[in-house]
């Protein structure tokens, strides 16, 4: 049975591809799960329309993410930490610490979306990268100061 995949199916193909699938697999799994259409001329047009709308929506989300990037890059974070006599930190400033500081200012991010180049173990100003999604990254300044 010829079908059009609406999304990637492991071991079968990628979205938009027309493949031959066993009739039972197509009728009982792929089509009811909205993972595929029967390959007819009308369904090809429906899939092309879905693809166009999805691309347009992603483009709009990327534009909104770019605007948010400009907003978040204006944010400056201050991490007050305990410091020893020689000016070295007790511990380090981690991505979780930065995520907590961002959350306190109203920007909620998972700490896994924050990239710290090197471990922050001294006082100073550091830039960290926040992954906003859709291929957009923002640079945020973090000031590490004595508590």
N, C-alpha and C. Protein backbone atom coordinates (compact mmCIF):
# COMPACT_ATOMS: atom_id res chain seq x y z
N UNK A 1 0.85 -1.18 0.00
CA UNK A 1 0.00 0.00 0.00
C UNK A 1 0.89 1.23 0.00
N UNK A 2 0.64 2.15 -0.90
CA UNK A 2 1.42 3.39 -0.98
C UNK A 2 0.84 4.42 -0.01
N UNK A 3 1.73 5.02 0.81
CA UNK A 3 1.32 6.04 1.77
C UNK A 3 2.29 7.21 1.75
N UNK A 4 1.81 8.35 2.24
CA UNK A 4 2.64 9.55 2.39
C UNK A 4 2.87 9.73 3.89
N UNK A 5 4.12 9.77 4.31
CA UNK A 5 4.44 9.95 5.73
C UNK A 5 4.26 11.42 6.11
N UNK A 6 3.53 11.66 7.21
CA UNK A 6 3.35 13.02 7.72
C UNK A 6 4.46 13.40 8.67
N UNK A 7 5.11 12.40 9.26
CA UNK A 7 6.22 12.64 10.18
C UNK A 7 7.22 11.51 10.02
N UNK A 8 8.40 11.68 10.59
CA UNK A 8 9.44 10.66 10.49
C UNK A 8 9.01 9.40 11.22
N UNK A 9 9.21 8.25 10.57
CA UNK A 9 8.91 6.95 11.17
C UNK A 9 10.19 6.15 11.12
N UNK A 10 10.68 5.77 12.29
CA UNK A 10 11.95 5.06 12.38
C UNK A 10 11.89 3.77 11.57
N UNK A 11 12.87 3.59 10.71
CA UNK A 11 12.96 2.39 9.90
C UNK A 11 12.11 2.41 8.65
N UNK A 12 11.28 3.42 8.47
CA UNK A 12 10.40 3.48 7.29
C UNK A 12 10.74 4.64 6.38
N UNK A 13 10.91 5.83 6.94
CA UNK A 13 11.22 6.98 6.11
C UNK A 13 11.01 8.29 6.85
N UNK A 14 11.17 9.37 6.11
CA UNK A 14 11.04 10.70 6.69
C UNK A 14 9.77 11.36 6.21
N UNK A 15 9.36 12.42 6.87
CA UNK A 15 8.13 13.13 6.54
C UNK A 15 8.14 13.59 5.09
N UNK A 16 6.99 13.41 4.41
CA UNK A 16 6.85 13.83 3.03
C UNK A 16 7.19 12.76 2.02
N UNK A 17 7.79 11.69 2.46
CA UNK A 17 8.20 10.62 1.57
C UNK A 17 7.02 9.70 1.26
N UNK A 18 6.94 9.25 0.01
CA UNK A 18 5.92 8.28 -0.38
C UNK A 18 6.59 6.91 -0.34
N UNK A 19 6.04 6.02 0.48
CA UNK A 19 6.65 4.70 0.66
C UNK A 19 5.61 3.60 0.45
N UNK A 20 6.12 2.38 0.26
CA UNK A 20 5.27 1.20 0.26
C UNK A 20 5.29 0.62 1.66
N UNK A 21 4.12 0.43 2.24
CA UNK A 21 4.02 -0.16 3.57
C UNK A 21 3.06 -1.34 3.51
N UNK A 22 3.22 -2.25 4.42
CA UNK A 22 2.28 -3.37 4.47
C UNK A 22 0.90 -2.81 4.80
N UNK A 23 -0.15 -3.32 4.14
CA UNK A 23 -1.49 -2.77 4.33
C UNK A 23 -1.96 -2.76 5.78
N UNK A 24 -1.68 -3.79 6.52
CA UNK A 24 -2.12 -3.85 7.92
C UNK A 24 -1.43 -2.80 8.76
N UNK A 25 -0.12 -2.63 8.55
CA UNK A 25 0.65 -1.64 9.30
C UNK A 25 0.14 -0.24 9.00
N UNK A 26 -0.15 0.02 7.73
CA UNK A 26 -0.64 1.34 7.33
C UNK A 26 -2.04 1.59 7.88
N UNK A 27 -2.97 0.65 7.69
CA UNK A 27 -4.37 0.84 8.11
C UNK A 27 -4.55 0.82 9.62
N UNK A 28 -3.78 -0.02 10.31
CA UNK A 28 -3.99 -0.21 11.74
C UNK A 28 -3.12 0.67 12.63
N UNK A 29 -2.02 1.19 12.09
CA UNK A 29 -1.12 1.97 12.94
C UNK A 29 -0.84 3.37 12.38
N UNK A 30 -0.26 3.44 11.20
CA UNK A 30 0.21 4.73 10.69
C UNK A 30 -0.93 5.71 10.43
N UNK A 31 -1.99 5.27 9.76
CA UNK A 31 -3.08 6.18 9.43
C UNK A 31 -3.89 6.58 10.67
N UNK A 32 -4.27 5.64 11.57
CA UNK A 32 -5.00 6.06 12.79
C UNK A 32 -4.19 6.97 13.72
N UNK A 33 -2.88 6.82 13.72
CA UNK A 33 -2.02 7.65 14.57
C UNK A 33 -1.69 9.00 13.91
N UNK A 34 -2.29 9.27 12.74
CA UNK A 34 -2.04 10.49 11.97
C UNK A 34 -0.57 10.65 11.61
N UNK A 35 0.08 9.53 11.35
CA UNK A 35 1.47 9.55 10.94
C UNK A 35 1.61 9.45 9.42
N UNK A 36 0.49 9.11 8.74
CA UNK A 36 0.55 8.93 7.30
C UNK A 36 -0.84 9.12 6.67
N UNK A 37 -0.83 9.35 5.35
CA UNK A 37 -2.04 9.41 4.52
C UNK A 37 -1.92 8.31 3.47
N UNK A 38 -3.04 7.90 2.90
CA UNK A 38 -2.99 7.09 1.70
C UNK A 38 -2.45 7.99 0.59
N UNK A 39 -1.66 7.42 -0.29
CA UNK A 39 -1.04 8.21 -1.35
C UNK A 39 -2.00 8.39 -2.52
N UNK A 40 -2.85 9.41 -2.41
CA UNK A 40 -3.73 9.79 -3.52
C UNK A 40 -3.36 11.21 -3.92
N UNK A 41 -3.82 11.62 -5.09
CA UNK A 41 -3.51 12.98 -5.56
C UNK A 41 -4.04 14.04 -4.59
N UNK A 42 -5.25 13.82 -4.08
CA UNK A 42 -5.85 14.78 -3.15
C UNK A 42 -5.03 14.86 -1.85
N UNK A 43 -4.58 13.71 -1.36
CA UNK A 43 -3.80 13.71 -0.12
C UNK A 43 -2.42 14.31 -0.30
N UNK A 44 -1.86 14.20 -1.50
CA UNK A 44 -0.57 14.86 -1.77
C UNK A 44 -0.75 16.37 -1.64
N UNK A 45 -1.86 16.89 -2.17
CA UNK A 45 -2.13 18.33 -2.06
C UNK A 45 -2.36 18.73 -0.60
N UNK A 46 -3.08 17.88 0.16
CA UNK A 46 -3.32 18.16 1.58
C UNK A 46 -1.99 18.20 2.32
N UNK A 47 -1.10 17.25 2.04
CA UNK A 47 0.20 17.23 2.72
C UNK A 47 1.02 18.48 2.36
N UNK A 48 1.01 18.88 1.09
CA UNK A 48 1.75 20.07 0.69
C UNK A 48 1.22 21.31 1.41
N UNK A 49 -0.09 21.40 1.58
CA UNK A 49 -0.69 22.52 2.31
C UNK A 49 -0.25 22.50 3.77
N UNK A 50 -0.27 21.32 4.40
CA UNK A 50 0.18 21.19 5.80
C UNK A 50 1.64 21.61 5.93
N UNK A 51 2.46 21.18 4.97
CA UNK A 51 3.89 21.49 4.99
C UNK A 51 4.09 23.01 4.89
N UNK A 52 3.33 23.65 4.02
CA UNK A 52 3.43 25.10 3.85
C UNK A 52 3.03 25.82 5.14
N UNK A 53 1.91 25.40 5.75
CA UNK A 53 1.45 26.04 6.98
C UNK A 53 2.44 25.83 8.13
N UNK A 54 3.00 24.65 8.20
CA UNK A 54 3.98 24.35 9.25
C UNK A 54 5.23 25.23 9.08
N UNK A 55 5.71 25.37 7.85
CA UNK A 55 6.88 26.20 7.59
C UNK A 55 6.60 27.67 7.92
N UNK A 56 5.40 28.13 7.58
CA UNK A 56 5.02 29.51 7.88
C UNK A 56 4.97 29.74 9.39
N UNK A 57 4.41 28.78 10.12
CA UNK A 57 4.32 28.89 11.58
C UNK A 57 5.71 28.91 12.21
N UNK A 58 6.60 28.04 11.73
CA UNK A 58 7.96 28.00 12.27
C UNK A 58 8.70 29.31 11.98
N UNK A 59 8.46 29.89 10.81
CA UNK A 59 9.07 31.17 10.46
C UNK A 59 8.60 32.27 11.41
N UNK A 60 7.30 32.26 11.72
CA UNK A 60 6.74 33.25 12.65
C UNK A 60 7.33 33.07 14.05
N UNK A 61 7.45 31.80 14.49
CA UNK A 61 8.03 31.53 15.81
C UNK A 61 9.50 31.97 15.87
N UNK A 62 10.21 31.80 14.77
CA UNK A 62 11.61 32.23 14.75
C UNK A 62 11.70 33.75 14.86
N UNK A 63 10.81 34.47 14.20
CA UNK A 63 10.79 35.94 14.29
C UNK A 63 10.51 36.37 15.72
N UNK A 64 9.54 35.72 16.38
CA UNK A 64 9.22 36.04 17.77
C UNK A 64 10.40 35.72 18.68
N UNK A 65 11.10 34.62 18.39
CA UNK A 65 12.26 34.24 19.19
C UNK A 65 13.38 35.26 19.03
N UNK A 66 13.55 35.80 17.84
CA UNK A 66 14.57 36.84 17.61
C UNK A 66 14.25 38.09 18.44
N UNK A 67 12.97 38.45 18.52
CA UNK A 67 12.57 39.60 19.33
C UNK A 67 12.87 39.33 20.80
N UNK A 68 12.57 38.11 21.25
CA UNK A 68 12.83 37.74 22.64
C UNK A 68 14.33 37.74 22.92
N UNK A 69 15.13 37.37 21.91
CA UNK A 69 16.58 37.38 22.06
C UNK A 69 17.06 38.79 22.38
N UNK A 70 16.54 39.79 21.65
CA UNK A 70 16.94 41.18 21.89
C UNK A 70 16.56 41.61 23.30
N UNK A 71 15.42 41.13 23.78
CA UNK A 71 14.98 41.47 25.13
C UNK A 71 15.87 40.82 26.20
N UNK A 72 16.18 39.56 26.01
CA UNK A 72 16.94 38.83 27.04
C UNK A 72 18.42 39.23 27.04
N UNK A 73 18.95 39.70 25.92
CA UNK A 73 20.35 40.12 25.90
C UNK A 73 20.57 41.41 26.69
N UNK A 74 19.51 42.13 26.98
CA UNK A 74 19.61 43.35 27.80
C UNK A 74 19.70 43.01 29.28
N UNK A 75 19.38 41.77 29.63
CA UNK A 75 19.39 41.33 31.03
C UNK A 75 20.83 41.18 31.51
N UNK A 76 21.07 41.67 32.71
CA UNK A 76 22.37 41.51 33.34
C UNK A 76 22.14 40.82 34.69
N UNK A 77 22.84 39.72 34.90
CA UNK A 77 22.65 38.94 36.13
C UNK A 77 23.81 39.17 37.08
N UNK A 78 23.50 39.17 38.37
CA UNK A 78 24.52 39.31 39.39
C UNK A 78 24.44 38.12 40.33
N UNK A 79 25.53 37.37 40.40
CA UNK A 79 25.61 36.22 41.29
C UNK A 79 26.51 36.59 42.46
N UNK A 80 25.93 36.68 43.66
CA UNK A 80 26.71 36.98 44.87
C UNK A 80 27.14 35.64 45.47
N UNK A 81 28.45 35.44 45.59
CA UNK A 81 28.99 34.16 46.05
C UNK A 81 29.98 34.36 47.18
N UNK A 82 30.19 33.29 47.93
CA UNK A 82 31.19 33.31 49.00
C UNK A 82 32.57 33.15 48.38
N UNK A 83 33.51 33.95 48.91
CA UNK A 83 34.85 33.98 48.35
C UNK A 83 35.86 33.78 49.47
N UNK A 84 36.92 33.06 49.16
CA UNK A 84 37.99 32.86 50.12
C UNK A 84 38.92 34.06 50.17
N UNK A 85 39.94 33.98 51.04
CA UNK A 85 40.89 35.09 51.20
C UNK A 85 41.66 35.38 49.91
N UNK A 86 41.92 34.37 49.10
CA UNK A 86 42.70 34.55 47.88
C UNK A 86 41.84 34.97 46.67
N UNK A 87 40.56 35.22 46.89
CA UNK A 87 39.68 35.68 45.82
C UNK A 87 39.04 34.57 45.00
N UNK A 88 39.26 33.31 45.40
CA UNK A 88 38.66 32.19 44.68
C UNK A 88 37.32 31.83 45.31
N UNK A 89 36.40 31.36 44.47
CA UNK A 89 35.07 31.01 44.95
C UNK A 89 35.07 29.69 45.71
N UNK A 90 34.14 29.58 46.64
CA UNK A 90 33.85 28.30 47.25
C UNK A 90 32.84 27.63 46.34
N UNK A 91 33.27 26.67 45.53
CA UNK A 91 32.39 26.06 44.55
C UNK A 91 32.51 26.80 43.23
N UNK A 92 31.42 26.83 42.47
CA UNK A 92 31.43 27.55 41.20
C UNK A 92 30.02 28.01 40.86
N UNK A 93 29.94 28.91 39.88
CA UNK A 93 28.64 29.36 39.38
C UNK A 93 28.29 28.43 38.22
N UNK A 94 27.19 27.70 38.37
CA UNK A 94 26.80 26.70 37.39
C UNK A 94 25.65 27.20 36.52
N UNK A 95 25.32 26.40 35.53
CA UNK A 95 24.18 26.74 34.67
C UNK A 95 22.88 26.74 35.47
N UNK A 96 22.79 25.91 36.50
CA UNK A 96 21.60 25.90 37.35
C UNK A 96 21.48 27.20 38.13
N UNK A 97 22.60 27.72 38.61
CA UNK A 97 22.60 29.01 39.32
C UNK A 97 22.13 30.12 38.38
N UNK A 98 22.61 30.09 37.16
CA UNK A 98 22.22 31.11 36.18
C UNK A 98 20.75 30.97 35.83
N UNK A 99 20.26 29.74 35.71
CA UNK A 99 18.84 29.51 35.42
C UNK A 99 17.98 30.07 36.56
N UNK A 100 18.42 29.89 37.80
CA UNK A 100 17.68 30.42 38.95
C UNK A 100 17.67 31.96 38.93
N UNK A 101 18.80 32.58 38.56
CA UNK A 101 18.87 34.04 38.47
C UNK A 101 17.95 34.56 37.37
N UNK A 102 17.92 33.86 36.24
CA UNK A 102 17.02 34.26 35.15
C UNK A 102 15.56 34.11 35.56
N UNK A 103 15.26 33.04 36.29
CA UNK A 103 13.88 32.81 36.74
C UNK A 103 13.44 33.92 37.69
N UNK A 104 14.35 34.39 38.53
CA UNK A 104 14.03 35.47 39.46
C UNK A 104 13.68 36.76 38.70
N UNK A 105 14.18 36.90 37.47
CA UNK A 105 13.88 38.08 36.68
C UNK A 105 12.73 37.83 35.69
N UNK A 106 12.09 36.66 35.80
CA UNK A 106 10.92 36.39 34.97
C UNK A 106 11.18 35.65 33.68
N UNK A 107 12.37 35.10 33.51
CA UNK A 107 12.71 34.33 32.32
C UNK A 107 12.99 32.90 32.74
N UNK A 108 12.06 32.00 32.46
CA UNK A 108 12.18 30.63 32.92
C UNK A 108 12.85 29.76 31.85
N UNK A 109 14.04 29.23 32.16
CA UNK A 109 14.79 28.36 31.26
C UNK A 109 15.24 27.12 31.99
N UNK A 110 15.31 26.02 31.27
CA UNK A 110 15.91 24.81 31.79
C UNK A 110 17.42 25.02 31.81
N UNK A 111 18.08 24.57 32.84
CA UNK A 111 19.52 24.80 32.95
C UNK A 111 20.29 24.11 31.83
N UNK A 112 19.70 23.13 31.18
CA UNK A 112 20.38 22.45 30.07
C UNK A 112 20.42 23.32 28.81
N UNK A 113 19.64 24.38 28.77
CA UNK A 113 19.64 25.30 27.63
C UNK A 113 20.68 26.40 27.79
N UNK A 114 21.39 26.40 28.93
CA UNK A 114 22.39 27.43 29.22
C UNK A 114 23.78 26.81 29.10
N UNK A 115 24.63 27.45 28.29
CA UNK A 115 25.98 26.95 28.07
C UNK A 115 26.97 27.89 28.72
N UNK A 116 27.78 27.34 29.62
CA UNK A 116 28.85 28.09 30.27
C UNK A 116 30.15 27.56 29.67
N UNK A 117 30.94 28.44 29.01
CA UNK A 117 32.15 27.97 28.32
C UNK A 117 33.11 27.25 29.26
N UNK A 118 33.57 27.93 30.26
CA UNK A 118 34.45 27.34 31.26
C UNK A 118 33.74 27.45 32.60
N UNK A 119 34.18 26.65 33.55
CA UNK A 119 33.58 26.77 34.88
C UNK A 119 33.90 28.15 35.43
N UNK A 120 32.90 28.76 36.04
CA UNK A 120 33.08 30.09 36.61
C UNK A 120 33.50 29.90 38.06
N UNK A 121 34.81 30.12 38.32
CA UNK A 121 35.36 29.89 39.66
C UNK A 121 36.09 31.11 40.20
N UNK A 122 35.81 32.27 39.60
CA UNK A 122 36.46 33.49 40.09
C UNK A 122 35.53 34.67 39.89
N UNK A 123 35.87 35.78 40.51
CA UNK A 123 35.06 36.99 40.39
C UNK A 123 35.28 37.61 39.01
N UNK A 124 34.27 38.30 38.52
CA UNK A 124 34.41 38.97 37.23
C UNK A 124 33.11 38.97 36.44
N UNK A 125 33.22 39.32 35.17
CA UNK A 125 32.08 39.37 34.26
C UNK A 125 32.26 38.25 33.23
N UNK A 126 31.20 37.48 33.04
CA UNK A 126 31.25 36.35 32.12
C UNK A 126 30.04 36.39 31.20
N UNK A 127 30.22 35.87 29.98
CA UNK A 127 29.11 35.74 29.05
C UNK A 127 28.72 34.28 28.97
N UNK A 128 27.42 34.01 29.06
CA UNK A 128 26.91 32.66 28.89
C UNK A 128 25.94 32.68 27.72
N UNK A 129 25.76 31.54 27.11
CA UNK A 129 24.88 31.43 25.95
C UNK A 129 23.61 30.69 26.35
N UNK A 130 22.46 31.27 26.00
CA UNK A 130 21.17 30.67 26.29
C UNK A 130 20.54 30.26 24.96
N UNK A 131 20.22 28.97 24.83
CA UNK A 131 19.59 28.46 23.62
C UNK A 131 18.09 28.72 23.71
N UNK A 132 17.58 29.57 22.82
CA UNK A 132 16.16 29.94 22.84
C UNK A 132 15.32 29.06 21.93
N UNK A 133 15.96 28.20 21.16
CA UNK A 133 15.25 27.35 20.22
C UNK A 133 15.25 27.95 18.83
N UNK A 134 14.88 27.17 17.84
CA UNK A 134 14.80 27.60 16.44
C UNK A 134 16.13 28.15 15.94
N UNK A 135 17.23 27.64 16.50
CA UNK A 135 18.55 28.07 16.06
C UNK A 135 18.96 29.45 16.53
N UNK A 136 18.28 29.99 17.54
CA UNK A 136 18.57 31.33 18.05
C UNK A 136 19.23 31.20 19.43
N UNK A 137 20.39 31.83 19.58
CA UNK A 137 21.11 31.83 20.85
C UNK A 137 21.29 33.27 21.32
N UNK A 138 21.13 33.46 22.63
CA UNK A 138 21.30 34.79 23.22
C UNK A 138 22.51 34.77 24.16
N UNK A 139 23.23 35.88 24.19
CA UNK A 139 24.37 36.01 25.11
C UNK A 139 23.92 36.86 26.29
N UNK A 140 24.13 36.33 27.49
CA UNK A 140 23.72 37.03 28.71
C UNK A 140 24.97 37.26 29.56
N UNK A 141 25.10 38.48 30.10
CA UNK A 141 26.24 38.79 30.97
C UNK A 141 25.93 38.39 32.40
N UNK A 142 26.90 37.75 33.03
CA UNK A 142 26.78 37.35 34.43
C UNK A 142 27.92 38.00 35.20
N UNK A 143 27.53 38.79 36.20
CA UNK A 143 28.50 39.44 37.07
C UNK A 143 28.64 38.57 38.31
N UNK A 144 29.84 38.11 38.59
CA UNK A 144 30.11 37.31 39.79
C UNK A 144 30.80 38.24 40.78
N UNK A 145 30.11 38.51 41.91
CA UNK A 145 30.61 39.45 42.91
C UNK A 145 30.69 38.78 44.29
N UNK A 146 31.44 39.43 45.15
CA UNK A 146 31.64 38.93 46.51
C UNK A 146 30.36 39.14 47.32
N UNK A 147 30.00 38.13 48.08
CA UNK A 147 28.77 38.18 48.90
C UNK A 147 28.95 39.11 50.07
